[in-house]
């Protein structure tokens, strides 16, 4: 159960988890909580033909009681063994339905954004729900944060994300042609939701210190900060291409010479794992679960919110591409050894069994 955005890591995790479980013989229903008048998310189209059932609950904004009733009716019709929620609203609804829907409860906790008073209230409600829900944190730091917020250690499990089998990636030439990137340019890829916590503004500031280099950044994704940052990039005359949401964005990664994650906060970002799988050099901020996945042997880590450090790291990859390629190959080897999809699914099955026992 999730209230999906059109694009993001949470949605890619749900796709990987549901299709992986379906291949293992589970019956899987994905319930999408949608707002009336909002375009259907990319996830709905991506799940078509996979064998995963899709149910949509469409209500007007903040019609929580209607949403709750329809969700209860759906659960009564399918009688789930496990109700697995993703995000603060599904978590709270799952907790409220505890008496009327007697299924085991599991939530994947993808991260906390904080910031506004409303966001902090939602996170507080979410953590209160975990008194009866097994919470799967996607990084060790997030698990520690949950315990610090008062969640029982018995209810907290750490399972970093994994990358499932995917469609064949595009070749470098095809990916560059699709993205409109000249072979003469050093191509930086930034993939994610264009919002403050993802730190695209930090990368744009860093680009101001790289003007003498033939670099171009391609932004794959969309979000509430896009218009403001497009204006900023235009006023600064930065070489930025806005590619918008791209289905199967991982297939385009070979078109980049470098993938940058400039986030202020993270769980374990899927784009990081996908870049590792594609053997693309990585520069990332040392936040959330990122240091659990790559070290200095597999990528370049920098502090968050430091454009000068980010610019220096990008420059180092541009100047020494042989070392960057060695780190990228080491990252791919680590991904295969430590973040396999089968081990990931096994761990979730273990949490489901524990939840079903009422422990």
Protein backbone atom coordinates (compact mmCIF):
# COMPACT_ATOMS: atom_id res chain seq x y z
CA UNK A 1 0.00 0.00 0.00
CA UNK A 2 1.37 3.39 -0.98
CA UNK A 3 0.38 6.91 -1.97
CA UNK A 4 2.71 7.11 -4.96
CA UNK A 5 4.48 10.00 -6.57
CA UNK A 6 4.91 9.82 -10.31
CA UNK A 7 8.61 9.09 -9.94
CA UNK A 8 10.94 8.11 -7.14
CA UNK A 9 12.90 5.53 -5.21
CA UNK A 10 9.96 4.44 -3.03
CA UNK A 11 7.99 3.54 -6.14
CA UNK A 12 10.93 1.60 -7.62
CA UNK A 13 11.28 -0.34 -4.36
CA UNK A 14 7.59 -1.27 -4.43
CA UNK A 15 7.92 -2.41 -8.05
CA UNK A 16 10.97 -4.54 -7.26
CA UNK A 17 9.45 -6.02 -4.12
CA UNK A 18 6.02 -6.81 -5.56
CA UNK A 19 7.27 -8.33 -8.81
CA UNK A 20 9.96 -10.29 -6.98
CA UNK A 21 7.43 -11.71 -4.54
CA UNK A 22 5.04 -12.55 -7.37
CA UNK A 23 7.81 -14.51 -9.15
CA UNK A 24 8.30 -16.45 -5.91
CA UNK A 25 4.68 -17.58 -5.90
CA UNK A 26 3.10 -15.08 -3.53
CA UNK A 27 -0.19 -13.46 -4.46
CA UNK A 28 0.55 -9.75 -4.46
CA UNK A 29 -1.91 -6.86 -4.55
CA UNK A 30 -0.54 -3.32 -4.84
CA UNK A 31 -2.97 -0.71 -3.50
CA UNK A 32 -2.45 2.81 -4.84
CA UNK A 33 -3.95 5.65 -2.79
CA UNK A 34 -4.57 8.36 -5.37
CA UNK A 35 -5.94 11.88 -5.25
CA UNK A 36 -8.84 12.72 -7.58
CA UNK A 37 -7.75 14.68 -10.63
CA UNK A 38 -4.09 13.64 -10.38
CA UNK A 39 -2.55 11.72 -13.26
CA UNK A 40 -2.02 8.00 -12.67
CA UNK A 41 1.56 7.32 -11.54
CA UNK A 42 4.19 5.66 -13.71
CA UNK A 43 4.17 2.69 -11.33
CA UNK A 44 0.66 1.67 -12.42
CA UNK A 45 1.77 1.29 -16.04
CA UNK A 46 4.99 -0.46 -15.06
CA UNK A 47 3.10 -3.13 -13.09
CA UNK A 48 0.77 -3.95 -15.97
CA UNK A 49 1.45 -7.45 -17.30
CA UNK A 50 3.66 -8.50 -14.38
CA UNK A 51 1.05 -10.70 -12.67
CA UNK A 52 0.77 -8.26 -9.77
CA UNK A 53 -2.81 -7.14 -9.08
CA UNK A 54 -3.37 -3.38 -8.91
CA UNK A 55 -6.13 -1.71 -6.92
CA UNK A 56 -6.67 2.04 -6.93
CA UNK A 57 -8.47 4.01 -4.23
CA UNK A 58 -9.25 7.49 -5.54
CA UNK A 59 -10.54 10.18 -3.18
CA UNK A 60 -10.56 13.95 -3.02
CA UNK A 61 -7.85 15.64 -0.98
CA UNK A 62 -7.99 14.83 2.75
CA UNK A 63 -11.07 12.59 2.52
CA UNK A 64 -9.43 10.27 5.01
CA UNK A 65 -12.60 8.57 6.26
CA UNK A 66 -13.72 7.72 2.72
CA UNK A 67 -10.23 6.49 1.95
CA UNK A 68 -10.19 4.42 5.11
CA UNK A 69 -13.59 2.84 4.34
CA UNK A 70 -12.61 1.91 0.79
CA UNK A 71 -9.30 0.47 1.97
CA UNK A 72 -11.07 -1.59 4.63
CA UNK A 73 -13.53 -2.92 2.05
CA UNK A 74 -10.70 -3.86 -0.29
CA UNK A 75 -8.80 -5.68 2.47
CA UNK A 76 -11.96 -7.55 3.47
CA UNK A 77 -12.34 -8.74 -0.12
CA UNK A 78 -8.76 -10.03 -0.56
CA UNK A 79 -8.08 -11.11 3.07
CA UNK A 80 -4.34 -10.40 3.09
CA UNK A 81 -1.93 -12.30 5.32
CA UNK A 82 0.35 -9.25 5.42
CA UNK A 83 -0.46 -5.57 4.93
CA UNK A 84 2.77 -3.87 3.89
CA UNK A 85 2.69 -0.08 3.85
CA UNK A 86 5.12 2.49 2.42
CA UNK A 87 4.98 6.13 3.54
CA UNK A 88 3.43 8.08 6.41
CA UNK A 89 -0.22 8.09 5.24
CA UNK A 90 -0.37 4.33 4.44
CA UNK A 91 1.41 3.61 7.75
CA UNK A 92 -1.15 5.59 9.75
CA UNK A 93 -4.10 4.08 7.84
CA UNK A 94 -2.68 0.59 8.39
CA UNK A 95 -2.47 1.23 12.13
CA UNK A 96 -6.05 2.61 12.30
CA UNK A 97 -7.35 -0.50 10.51
CA UNK A 98 -5.67 -2.85 13.00
CA UNK A 99 -8.94 -4.06 14.54
CA UNK A 100 -10.97 -4.50 11.35
CA UNK A 101 -8.22 -5.99 9.14
CA UNK A 102 -6.51 -8.86 11.03
CA UNK A 103 -3.36 -9.07 8.90
CA UNK A 104 0.26 -8.93 10.00
CA UNK A 105 1.69 -5.42 9.67
CA UNK A 106 4.97 -4.40 8.02
CA UNK A 107 6.19 -1.01 6.81
CA UNK A 108 9.24 -0.05 4.80
CA UNK A 109 10.63 3.21 6.16
CA UNK A 110 12.33 4.99 3.27
CA UNK A 111 13.51 8.05 5.17
CA UNK A 112 12.47 11.20 6.98
CA UNK A 113 12.52 14.60 5.30
CA UNK A 114 11.61 16.83 8.26
CA UNK A 115 11.71 20.55 7.63
CA UNK A 116 8.17 21.90 7.93
CA UNK A 117 6.01 21.64 11.03
CA UNK A 118 3.47 19.54 9.11
CA UNK A 119 6.16 17.11 7.94
CA UNK A 120 7.43 16.69 11.51
CA UNK A 121 3.86 16.02 12.71
CA UNK A 122 3.38 13.35 10.04
CA UNK A 123 6.66 11.71 11.02
CA UNK A 124 5.61 11.71 14.68
CA UNK A 125 2.32 10.01 13.78
CA UNK A 126 4.22 7.54 11.60
CA UNK A 127 6.54 6.56 14.45
CA UNK A 128 3.58 6.14 16.81
CA UNK A 129 2.10 3.67 14.32
CA UNK A 130 5.21 1.50 14.59
CA UNK A 131 4.18 0.41 18.09
CA UNK A 132 2.13 -2.27 16.28
CA UNK A 133 3.90 -2.41 12.89
CA UNK A 134 7.24 -4.03 12.07
CA UNK A 135 9.36 -1.23 10.58
CA UNK A 136 11.96 -2.09 7.93
CA UNK A 137 14.59 0.66 7.75
CA UNK A 138 16.50 0.87 4.47
CA UNK A 139 19.72 1.94 6.21
CA UNK A 140 21.47 1.49 9.57
CA UNK A 141 21.29 5.22 10.23
CA UNK A 142 17.54 5.22 9.69
CA UNK A 143 17.13 2.24 12.03
CA UNK A 144 19.07 4.13 14.71
CA UNK A 145 16.88 7.18 14.11
CA UNK A 146 13.70 5.10 14.58
CA UNK A 147 14.91 3.79 17.93
CA UNK A 148 15.90 7.31 18.96
CA UNK A 149 12.34 8.42 18.12
CA UNK A 150 10.94 5.83 20.52
CA UNK A 151 10.29 2.79 18.31
CA UNK A 152 11.01 -0.51 20.06
CA UNK A 153 14.17 -2.24 18.83
CA UNK A 154 12.11 -5.44 18.54
CA UNK A 155 10.02 -3.77 15.83
CA UNK A 156 12.94 -2.36 13.81
CA UNK A 157 14.73 -4.30 11.07
CA UNK A 158 17.46 -3.08 8.72
CA UNK A 159 17.21 -4.21 5.10
CA UNK A 160 19.09 -2.04 2.57
CA UNK A 161 17.54 -1.85 -0.88
CA UNK A 162 18.62 -4.06 -3.79
CA UNK A 163 18.46 -3.83 -7.57
CA UNK A 164 16.21 -6.40 -9.30
CA UNK A 165 16.76 -7.86 -12.77
CA UNK A 166 15.87 -5.18 -15.30
CA UNK A 167 15.52 -4.57 -19.00
CA UNK A 168 18.76 -4.47 -21.01
CA UNK A 169 20.41 -1.06 -20.61
CA UNK A 170 20.99 1.13 -23.63
CA UNK A 171 24.48 1.38 -25.07
CA UNK A 172 26.41 4.57 -24.42
CA UNK A 173 25.70 5.90 -27.93
CA UNK A 174 21.97 5.13 -27.79
CA UNK A 175 21.63 6.58 -24.28
CA UNK A 176 23.43 9.78 -25.27
CA UNK A 177 21.32 10.17 -28.36
CA UNK A 178 18.15 9.72 -26.29
CA UNK A 179 19.36 12.27 -23.74
CA UNK A 180 20.62 14.70 -26.38
CA UNK A 181 24.16 14.74 -24.99
CA UNK A 182 27.10 15.43 -27.30
CA UNK A 183 30.03 12.99 -27.17
CA UNK A 184 32.32 16.02 -26.83
CA UNK A 185 30.89 16.80 -23.37
CA UNK A 186 31.65 15.25 -20.00
CA UNK A 187 28.15 14.15 -19.04
CA UNK A 188 26.98 14.37 -15.41
CA UNK A 189 23.75 12.57 -14.57
CA UNK A 190 21.48 13.57 -11.68
CA UNK A 191 18.42 11.37 -11.17
CA UNK A 192 15.71 11.85 -8.56
CA UNK A 193 12.86 13.90 -7.20
CA UNK A 194 13.59 17.59 -7.66
CA UNK A 195 13.00 18.68 -4.08
CA UNK A 196 15.09 20.31 -1.40
CA UNK A 197 16.21 17.13 0.40
CA UNK A 198 17.77 15.81 -2.81
CA UNK A 199 20.14 18.79 -3.00
CA UNK A 200 20.09 19.55 -6.72
CA UNK A 201 20.68 23.20 -5.81
CA UNK A 202 24.02 22.15 -4.27
CA UNK A 203 25.09 20.56 -7.55
CA UNK A 204 24.09 23.68 -9.47
CA UNK A 205 26.23 25.78 -7.12
CA UNK A 206 29.13 23.37 -7.65
CA UNK A 207 28.80 23.72 -11.42
CA UNK A 208 29.60 27.42 -11.13
CA UNK A 209 33.13 26.38 -10.14
CA UNK A 210 33.49 24.10 -13.18
CA UNK A 211 32.78 26.60 -15.94
CA UNK A 212 36.12 26.08 -17.68
CA UNK A 213 35.39 22.36 -18.17
CA UNK A 214 33.24 20.96 -21.01
CA UNK A 215 30.66 19.52 -18.62
CA UNK A 216 26.90 19.24 -18.89
CA UNK A 217 24.45 18.06 -16.24
CA UNK A 218 21.31 16.20 -17.27
CA UNK A 219 18.53 16.20 -14.67
CA UNK A 220 16.27 13.14 -14.91
CA UNK A 221 13.18 13.58 -12.77
CA UNK A 222 10.70 16.20 -11.66
CA UNK A 223 9.41 17.75 -8.47
CA UNK A 224 8.26 20.87 -6.65
CA UNK A 225 11.61 22.68 -6.85
CA UNK A 226 12.12 22.24 -10.59
CA UNK A 227 10.81 25.60 -11.77
CA UNK A 228 12.85 27.55 -9.21
CA UNK A 229 16.03 25.61 -10.04
CA UNK A 230 15.50 25.92 -13.80
CA UNK A 231 15.37 29.68 -13.30
CA UNK A 232 18.52 29.59 -11.14
CA UNK A 233 20.42 27.53 -13.71
CA UNK A 234 19.31 29.80 -16.54
CA UNK A 235 20.31 32.99 -14.74
CA UNK A 236 23.74 31.50 -13.99
CA UNK A 237 24.12 30.29 -17.62
CA UNK A 238 24.84 26.74 -16.48
CA UNK A 239 24.94 23.83 -18.94
CA UNK A 240 21.92 21.90 -17.64
CA UNK A 241 19.45 19.81 -19.63
CA UNK A 242 16.10 19.01 -18.00
CA UNK A 243 15.05 15.57 -19.22
CA UNK A 244 11.99 15.19 -16.99
CA UNK A 245 10.64 11.83 -15.86
CA UNK A 246 12.06 8.97 -17.94
CA UNK A 247 10.50 5.49 -17.74
CA UNK A 248 13.19 2.91 -16.97
CA UNK A 249 15.71 5.67 -16.30
CA UNK A 250 18.32 3.06 -15.31
CA UNK A 251 18.61 2.11 -19.01
CA UNK A 252 20.07 5.57 -19.72
CA UNK A 253 22.87 5.49 -17.14
CA UNK A 254 25.52 4.34 -19.63
CA UNK A 255 25.12 7.73 -21.30
CA UNK A 256 26.70 9.46 -18.30
CA UNK A 257 30.39 9.80 -17.49
CA UNK A 258 29.46 10.39 -13.85
CA UNK A 259 26.38 10.06 -11.64
CA UNK A 260 26.11 12.60 -8.82
CA UNK A 261 23.97 12.28 -5.69
CA UNK A 262 23.98 15.63 -3.90
CA UNK A 263 21.36 14.79 -1.27
CA UNK A 264 20.97 16.40 2.13
CA UNK A 265 19.30 13.26 3.50
CA UNK A 266 18.78 9.74 2.17
CA UNK A 267 17.77 6.20 3.00
CA UNK A 268 19.48 3.82 0.60
CA UNK A 269 18.82 5.46 -2.78
CA UNK A 270 17.91 3.17 -5.66
CA UNK A 271 19.76 5.37 -8.16
CA UNK A 272 22.98 4.69 -6.25
CA UNK A 273 22.51 0.93 -6.64
CA UNK A 274 21.48 1.31 -10.28
CA UNK A 275 24.58 3.38 -11.05
CA UNK A 276 26.70 0.68 -9.39
CA UNK A 277 25.02 -1.96 -11.56
CA UNK A 278 25.78 0.11 -14.67
CA UNK A 279 29.47 0.57 -13.73
CA UNK A 280 29.15 4.36 -13.88
CA UNK A 281 31.50 6.41 -11.64
CA UNK A 282 29.75 7.91 -8.61
CA UNK A 283 30.18 11.06 -6.53
CA UNK A 284 27.79 11.16 -3.58
CA UNK A 285 27.22 12.95 -0.32
CA UNK A 286 28.01 10.94 2.80
CA UNK A 287 24.48 10.88 4.22
CA UNK A 288 21.99 8.23 5.31
CA UNK A 289 22.74 4.75 4.04
CA UNK A 290 25.11 5.85 1.26
CA UNK A 291 28.33 5.14 3.26
CA UNK A 292 26.97 1.65 4.01
CA UNK A 293 26.87 0.92 0.27
CA UNK A 294 30.00 2.56 -1.16
CA UNK A 295 33.34 3.50 0.33
CA UNK A 296 36.30 5.45 -1.07
CA UNK A 297 37.26 2.30 -2.98
CA UNK A 298 33.96 2.33 -4.92
CA UNK A 299 33.16 6.03 -5.31
CA UNK A 300 33.92 9.54 -4.08
CA UNK A 301 32.09 10.67 -0.94
CA UNK A 302 31.76 14.32 0.09
CA UNK A 303 30.02 16.15 2.94
CA UNK A 304 26.47 17.41 2.26
CA UNK A 305 25.74 21.06 1.46
CA UNK A 306 29.34 21.83 0.45
CA UNK A 307 29.37 22.90 -3.22
CA UNK A 308 33.13 23.47 -3.24
CA UNK A 309 33.82 19.91 -2.07
CA UNK A 310 31.34 18.55 -4.61
CA UNK A 311 32.97 20.57 -7.40
CA UNK A 312 36.42 19.29 -6.40
CA UNK A 313 35.18 15.69 -6.45
CA UNK A 314 33.65 16.11 -9.91
CA UNK A 315 36.86 17.70 -11.15
CA UNK A 316 38.89 14.77 -9.80
CA UNK A 317 36.77 12.28 -11.78
CA UNK A 318 37.06 14.41 -14.92
CA UNK A 319 40.85 14.59 -14.59
CA UNK A 320 41.48 10.93 -13.66
CA UNK A 321 38.95 8.80 -15.49
CA UNK A 322 41.01 5.63 -15.23
CA UNK A 323 40.83 5.65 -11.43
CA UNK A 324 37.15 6.51 -11.61
CA UNK A 325 36.54 3.50 -13.89
CA UNK A 326 38.38 1.22 -11.43
CA UNK A 327 36.18 2.45 -8.58
CA UNK A 328 33.08 1.89 -10.72
CA UNK A 329 34.05 -1.73 -11.39
CA UNK A 330 34.73 -2.26 -7.69
CA UNK A 331 31.28 -0.83 -6.93
CA UNK A 332 29.63 -3.24 -9.35
CA UNK A 333 31.44 -6.18 -7.75
CA UNK A 334 30.33 -5.09 -4.27
CA UNK A 335 26.74 -4.74 -5.45
CA UNK A 336 26.73 -8.31 -6.75
CA UNK A 337 28.32 -9.67 -3.57
CA UNK A 338 26.30 -7.80 -0.93
CA UNK A 339 23.02 -6.52 -2.41
CA UNK A 340 21.52 -9.37 -4.39
CA UNK A 341 17.79 -9.38 -5.06
CA UNK A 342 17.32 -12.96 -3.76
CA UNK A 343 18.91 -12.19 -0.40
CA UNK A 344 16.79 -9.03 -0.19
CA UNK A 345 13.56 -10.93 -0.80
CA UNK A 346 14.61 -13.62 1.72
CA UNK A 347 15.02 -10.96 4.40
CA UNK A 348 11.57 -9.52 3.74
CA UNK A 349 10.04 -13.00 3.90
CA UNK A 350 11.70 -13.39 7.30
CA UNK A 351 10.11 -10.17 8.57
CA UNK A 352 6.71 -11.27 7.24
CA UNK A 353 6.97 -14.58 9.13
CA UNK A 354 7.95 -12.78 12.30
CA UNK A 355 5.04 -10.35 11.95
CA UNK A 356 2.57 -13.18 11.32
CA UNK A 357 3.63 -14.81 14.58
CA UNK A 358 2.63 -11.62 16.39
CA UNK A 359 6.12 -11.03 17.76
